[in-house]
Amino acid sequence: MKIVILSRNPKLYSTRRLVEAAEEKGHEVLVVDHLKCVIELEKKSPRLYYNGIYLDDIDAIIPRIGASVTFYGTAVVRQFEMMNVFSAVKSQALVNSRDKLRSLQILARSGVGLPKTIFTNYAKDVDHVIDSVGGAPLVLKLLEGTQGLGVVLAETQNAASSVIEAFNGLKARVIAQQYIKEAGGADIRAFVVDGVIVGAMKRQGKEGEFRSNLHRGGSANIIELTDQEELTAIKAAKAMGLGVAGVDMLQSANGPLVLEVNSSPGLEGIEAATKKDIAKEIIKYIERNV
């Protein structure tokens, strides 16, 4: 097969591992910077032009689209889909996963457990927002934040009010979310490929840090999921329409609660923690579908 990996940097760990896994299976691999693709539209003849060549006869693509370039990256994925190329991550699923509010609405509708979440259009009744998620402490998140950026733990009512009012004043859209104390600054990342969990890790935030993101200095260890955690992760990935997904969950007194479903989950942390060849599982998923 001829496989294209949509990535802006061929030196990134995840990109390199996918190239290695595909080549080990005998496939031809091309790393393409999606921002340098030219989209050509014509009646019944969609094409993509890149670095002096047309990207024809491609069997499958693996999108690794950064959050800051979702719009154009998704357009490129959609163009490949119009060319009848299999995508490991569908364009619409990618769009939905990047819209935090939309993704939470989809998950809530599907019956997946979530921390109680409130979103308003710069509401003046800040106290109602805070009380609705159980009062302080509570978590405030910018809708556009990634990798733990734009996430604040407001430990008191006054602090929460000040932060919400500051965000409102900046016209920055924010969601308020119930703080799950019993999670202890840790979360679970379950890696789902084609409806099956291929690896899971528990991420613990560094001392004094409630965010568990590895980019924020957290640590990760392999974990064996409970049946309920497995079912929740698989259900969340399915609800979002994602063939490849990183499902982030909190362990709460009321069972697993989904924080986010990531459509371009990194491989470095999960492969290091689990010692599993996750990249190979993604290539096998493509082989089953092409």
Protein backbone atom coordinates (compact mmCIF):
# COMPACT_ATOMS: atom_id res chain seq x y z
CA MET A 1 0.00 0.00 0.00
CA LYS A 2 0.93 3.64 -0.43
CA ILE A 3 0.31 5.49 2.85
CA VAL A 4 0.51 9.24 3.45
CA ILE A 5 1.13 10.56 6.97
CA LEU A 6 -0.13 14.12 7.30
CA SER A 7 2.40 15.71 9.63
CA ARG A 8 4.17 19.06 9.69
CA ASN A 9 7.34 17.57 11.19
CA PRO A 10 8.75 14.17 10.09
CA LYS A 11 11.09 14.19 13.11
CA LEU A 12 8.29 14.02 15.69
CA TYR A 13 8.23 10.77 17.66
CA SER A 14 4.70 9.80 16.60
CA THR A 15 5.42 10.48 12.92
CA ARG A 16 8.69 8.54 12.98
CA ARG A 17 7.09 5.55 14.69
CA LEU A 18 4.25 5.41 12.17
CA VAL A 19 6.73 5.53 9.30
CA GLU A 20 8.78 2.71 10.89
CA ALA A 21 5.72 0.55 11.54
CA ALA A 22 4.39 0.99 7.99
CA GLU A 23 7.76 0.27 6.37
CA GLU A 24 8.24 -2.82 8.54
CA LYS A 25 4.98 -4.13 7.05
CA GLY A 26 6.27 -3.46 3.52
CA HIS A 27 4.27 -0.33 2.73
CA GLU A 28 5.43 2.76 0.88
CA VAL A 29 5.20 5.82 3.13
CA LEU A 30 5.22 9.54 2.36
CA VAL A 31 5.18 12.24 5.06
CA VAL A 32 3.22 15.24 3.79
CA ASP A 33 2.97 18.70 5.38
CA HIS A 34 -0.76 19.33 5.03
CA LEU A 35 -0.29 23.12 5.13
CA LYS A 36 1.74 22.90 1.90
CA CYS A 37 -0.91 20.96 0.02
CA VAL A 38 -2.82 22.72 -2.77
CA ILE A 39 -6.47 21.69 -2.98
CA GLU A 40 -7.81 21.52 -6.55
CA LEU A 41 -11.56 21.27 -7.07
CA GLU A 42 -13.19 20.36 -10.35
CA LYS A 43 -16.33 18.45 -11.26
CA LYS A 44 -15.77 14.81 -10.27
CA SER A 45 -12.01 15.33 -10.28
CA PRO A 46 -10.67 16.37 -6.84
CA ARG A 47 -6.87 16.42 -6.62
CA LEU A 48 -4.08 17.44 -4.26
CA TYR A 49 -0.82 19.02 -5.41
CA TYR A 50 2.24 18.85 -3.14
CA ASN A 51 5.91 19.72 -3.72
CA GLY A 52 5.68 19.52 -7.49
CA ILE A 53 3.62 16.32 -7.72
CA TYR A 54 0.01 15.24 -7.58
CA LEU A 55 -0.85 12.93 -4.69
CA ASP A 56 -2.50 10.26 -6.82
CA ASP A 57 -2.81 6.50 -6.19
CA ILE A 58 -2.74 6.93 -2.41
CA ASP A 59 -4.38 4.04 -0.52
CA ALA A 60 -4.64 5.51 2.98
CA ILE A 61 -3.78 8.53 5.10
CA ILE A 62 -2.98 8.95 8.77
CA PRO A 63 -3.84 12.52 9.85
CA ARG A 64 -1.62 14.06 12.54
CA ILE A 65 -3.27 17.47 12.54
CA GLY A 66 -2.26 20.04 15.16
CA ALA A 67 -5.04 21.94 16.93
CA SER A 68 -3.85 25.31 15.61
CA VAL A 69 -4.27 24.23 11.96
CA THR A 70 -7.48 22.22 12.28
CA PHE A 71 -9.34 24.19 9.60
CA TYR A 72 -6.90 23.65 6.72
CA GLY A 73 -5.77 20.23 7.93
CA THR A 74 -9.36 19.02 7.95
CA ALA A 75 -9.91 20.42 4.46
CA VAL A 76 -6.97 18.33 3.21
CA VAL A 77 -8.33 15.19 4.92
CA ARG A 78 -11.75 15.87 3.36
CA GLN A 79 -10.13 16.20 -0.07
CA PHE A 80 -8.46 12.80 0.30
CA GLU A 81 -11.84 11.35 1.31
CA MET A 82 -13.36 12.85 -1.87
CA MET A 83 -10.61 10.98 -3.74
CA ASN A 84 -11.81 7.72 -2.11
CA VAL A 85 -8.71 7.42 0.08
CA PHE A 86 -9.18 5.69 3.45
CA SER A 87 -8.45 7.95 6.42
CA ALA A 88 -7.52 6.55 9.82
CA VAL A 89 -9.34 9.60 11.27
CA LYS A 90 -12.44 10.85 9.44
CA SER A 91 -12.61 14.57 8.72
CA GLN A 92 -15.93 15.15 10.49
CA ALA A 93 -14.78 13.22 13.56
CA LEU A 94 -11.65 15.39 13.62
CA VAL A 95 -13.76 18.57 13.50
CA ASN A 96 -16.08 17.36 16.27
CA SER A 97 -13.21 16.32 18.55
CA ARG A 98 -11.54 19.73 18.26
CA ASP A 99 -14.70 21.56 19.32
CA LYS A 100 -14.65 20.97 23.08
CA LEU A 101 -18.25 22.01 23.61
CA ARG A 102 -19.53 20.00 20.65
CA SER A 103 -17.59 16.91 21.74
CA LEU A 104 -19.00 17.11 25.28
CA GLN A 105 -22.51 17.43 23.83
CA ILE A 106 -21.96 14.32 21.69
CA LEU A 107 -20.58 12.36 24.65
CA ALA A 108 -23.43 13.45 26.96
CA ARG A 109 -26.01 12.40 24.36
CA SER A 110 -24.38 8.98 24.01
CA GLY A 111 -24.64 8.33 27.76
CA VAL A 112 -20.92 8.57 28.58
CA GLY A 113 -20.11 9.73 32.12
CA LEU A 114 -18.77 13.30 32.33
CA PRO A 115 -17.86 15.77 35.09
CA LYS A 116 -20.75 18.22 35.35
CA THR A 117 -20.02 21.01 32.89
CA ILE A 118 -21.46 24.50 32.40
CA PHE A 119 -21.03 26.74 29.36
CA THR A 120 -22.53 30.20 28.99
CA ASN A 121 -22.34 33.12 26.60
CA TYR A 122 -20.47 35.47 28.96
CA ALA A 123 -23.15 35.11 31.67
CA LYS A 124 -23.47 37.89 34.23
CA ASP A 125 -24.77 35.46 36.90
CA VAL A 126 -21.33 34.06 37.73
CA ASP A 127 -22.42 32.68 41.11
CA HIS A 128 -25.02 30.47 39.42
CA VAL A 129 -22.35 29.03 37.11
CA ILE A 130 -20.12 28.20 40.08
CA ASP A 131 -22.93 26.71 42.17
CA SER A 132 -24.14 24.61 39.23
CA VAL A 133 -20.92 22.56 39.19
CA GLY A 134 -20.93 22.03 42.95
CA GLY A 135 -19.18 25.21 44.02
CA ALA A 136 -15.46 25.76 44.64
CA PRO A 137 -13.03 24.26 43.99
CA LEU A 138 -13.89 23.99 40.28
CA VAL A 139 -12.01 23.74 36.99
CA LEU A 140 -12.19 26.47 34.35
CA LYS A 141 -11.10 25.70 30.79
CA LEU A 142 -10.66 27.83 27.71
CA LEU A 143 -12.50 26.21 24.80
CA GLU A 144 -9.40 26.65 22.62
CA GLY A 145 -6.84 25.33 25.13
CA THR A 146 -4.67 22.23 24.48
CA GLN A 147 -2.16 20.13 26.43
CA GLY A 148 -3.28 21.63 29.74
CA LEU A 149 -2.90 25.24 28.61
CA GLY A 150 -5.83 27.49 29.46
CA VAL A 151 -6.92 25.26 32.37
CA VAL A 152 -7.29 26.81 35.82
CA LEU A 153 -8.21 25.31 39.20
CA ALA A 154 -10.18 27.92 41.13
CA GLU A 155 -9.99 26.90 44.77
CA THR A 156 -12.41 29.48 46.23
CA GLN A 157 -15.66 31.14 45.21
CA ASN A 158 -13.94 34.51 44.95
CA ALA A 159 -11.11 33.15 42.84
CA ALA A 160 -13.57 31.44 40.49
CA SER A 161 -15.62 34.62 40.12
CA SER A 162 -12.52 36.68 39.37
CA VAL A 163 -11.24 34.24 36.73
CA ILE A 164 -14.62 33.91 34.99
CA GLU A 165 -15.12 37.68 34.95
CA ALA A 166 -11.59 38.17 33.60
CA PHE A 167 -12.19 35.65 30.80
CA ASN A 168 -15.56 37.25 30.04
CA GLY A 169 -13.90 40.66 29.84
CA LEU A 170 -11.40 39.29 27.32
CA LYS A 171 -14.25 37.69 25.32
CA ALA A 172 -12.56 34.33 25.86
CA ARG A 173 -15.04 31.46 25.86
CA VAL A 174 -14.69 29.26 28.93
CA ILE A 175 -16.39 26.22 30.41
CA ALA A 176 -16.76 25.55 34.13
CA GLN A 177 -16.36 21.95 35.23
CA GLN A 178 -16.87 19.99 38.41
CA TYR A 179 -13.60 19.29 40.28
CA ILE A 180 -13.14 15.59 40.99
CA LYS A 181 -11.10 15.64 44.20
CA GLU A 182 -10.79 11.86 44.55
CA ALA A 183 -8.90 11.68 41.22
CA GLY A 184 -5.91 13.10 43.10
CA GLY A 185 -4.42 14.99 40.17
CA ALA A 186 -4.29 11.86 38.01
CA ASP A 187 -6.15 10.72 34.92
CA ILE A 188 -6.24 7.72 32.61
CA ARG A 189 -5.40 7.74 28.89
CA ALA A 190 -6.92 4.78 27.06
CA PHE A 191 -5.68 4.36 23.49
CA VAL A 192 -8.44 2.98 21.24
CA VAL A 193 -7.82 1.64 17.75
CA ASP A 194 -10.70 0.27 15.67
CA GLY A 195 -12.94 -0.20 18.71
CA VAL A 196 -10.32 -2.03 20.77
CA ILE A 197 -8.15 -0.71 23.60
CA VAL A 198 -4.53 -1.34 22.61
CA GLY A 199 -2.90 0.36 25.60
CA ALA A 200 -3.68 2.37 28.72
CA MET A 201 -1.68 4.47 31.13
CA LYS A 202 -2.28 6.43 34.31
CA ARG A 203 -0.86 9.95 34.25
CA GLN A 204 -0.04 11.64 37.54
CA GLY A 205 0.51 15.38 37.81
CA LYS A 206 3.70 16.58 39.48
CA GLU A 207 3.47 17.65 43.11
CA GLY A 208 1.26 20.70 43.54
CA GLU A 209 -0.14 20.38 39.98
CA PHE A 210 -3.71 19.23 39.35
CA ARG A 211 -3.15 18.82 35.59
CA SER A 212 -1.70 15.44 34.66
CA ASN A 213 -0.50 16.30 31.13
CA LEU A 214 2.96 14.90 30.38
CA HIS A 215 3.75 18.26 28.72
CA ARG A 216 3.26 19.85 32.16
CA GLY A 217 5.79 17.54 33.83
CA GLY A 218 3.47 14.68 34.77
CA SER A 219 4.53 11.02 34.89
CA ALA A 220 2.91 7.95 33.31
CA ASN A 221 2.65 4.29 34.24
CA ILE A 222 0.88 1.31 32.71
CA ILE A 223 -2.53 0.53 34.19
CA GLU A 224 -5.01 -2.31 33.87
CA LEU A 225 -8.42 -0.84 33.21
CA THR A 226 -11.58 -2.00 34.95
CA ASP A 227 -14.38 -3.37 32.78
CA GLN A 228 -16.32 -0.15 33.26
CA GLU A 229 -13.32 1.98 32.22
CA GLU A 230 -12.80 -0.15 29.11
CA LEU A 231 -16.45 0.10 28.10
CA THR A 232 -16.49 3.86 28.71
CA ALA A 233 -13.37 4.46 26.57
CA ILE A 234 -14.67 2.32 23.69
CA LYS A 235 -18.12 3.93 23.87
CA ALA A 236 -16.60 7.43 23.85
CA ALA A 237 -14.40 6.72 20.80
CA LYS A 238 -17.38 5.21 18.98
CA ALA A 239 -19.64 8.16 19.85
CA MET A 240 -17.06 10.53 18.36
CA GLY A 241 -16.68 8.37 15.25
CA LEU A 242 -12.94 7.96 15.79
CA GLY A 243 -11.06 4.87 14.59
CA VAL A 244 -7.96 6.09 16.44
CA ALA A 245 -8.48 7.94 19.71
CA GLY A 246 -6.93 8.79 23.04
CA VAL A 247 -9.71 8.83 25.64
CA ASP A 248 -8.86 10.76 28.81
CA MET A 249 -10.83 9.76 31.92
CA LEU A 250 -10.93 10.53 35.62
CA GLN A 251 -11.45 7.86 38.26
CA SER A 252 -14.33 9.13 40.41
CA ALA A 253 -16.59 7.80 43.14
CA ASN A 254 -19.29 7.55 40.45
CA GLY A 255 -17.16 5.57 38.00
CA PRO A 256 -15.04 6.77 35.06
CA LEU A 257 -15.72 10.29 33.79
CA VAL A 258 -14.51 11.30 30.33
CA LEU A 259 -12.58 14.58 30.09
CA GLU A 260 -11.69 14.57 26.41
CA VAL A 261 -11.39 12.37 23.33
CA ASN A 262 -8.22 13.20 21.40
CA SER A 263 -8.19 12.59 17.64
CA SER A 264 -4.39 12.89 17.26
CA PRO A 265 -3.09 11.22 20.43
CA GLY A 266 0.68 11.15 20.83
CA LEU A 267 2.45 7.78 20.78
CA GLU A 268 5.54 8.55 22.85
CA GLY A 269 3.97 8.52 26.31
CA ILE A 270 1.72 5.51 25.75
CA GLU A 271 4.43 3.38 24.10
CA ALA A 272 6.94 4.24 26.84
CA ALA A 273 4.47 3.42 29.62
CA THR A 274 3.01 0.23 28.13
CA LYS A 275 6.04 -1.03 26.12
CA LYS A 276 3.54 -1.83 23.35
CA ASP A 277 3.89 -1.17 19.62
CA ILE A 278 0.88 1.13 19.27
CA ALA A 279 2.04 2.41 15.86
CA LYS A 280 1.87 -1.14 14.50
CA GLU A 281 -1.73 -1.46 15.69
CA ILE A 282 -2.66 1.66 13.70
CA ILE A 283 -1.06 0.23 10.55
CA LYS A 284 -2.91 -3.07 11.07
CA TYR A 285 -6.15 -1.09 11.40
CA ILE A 286 -5.48 0.49 8.01
CA GLU A 287 -4.67 -2.89 6.45
CA ARG A 288 -8.00 -4.29 7.64
CA ASN A 289 -9.88 -1.44 5.98
CA VAL A 290 -8.08 -0.97 2.67
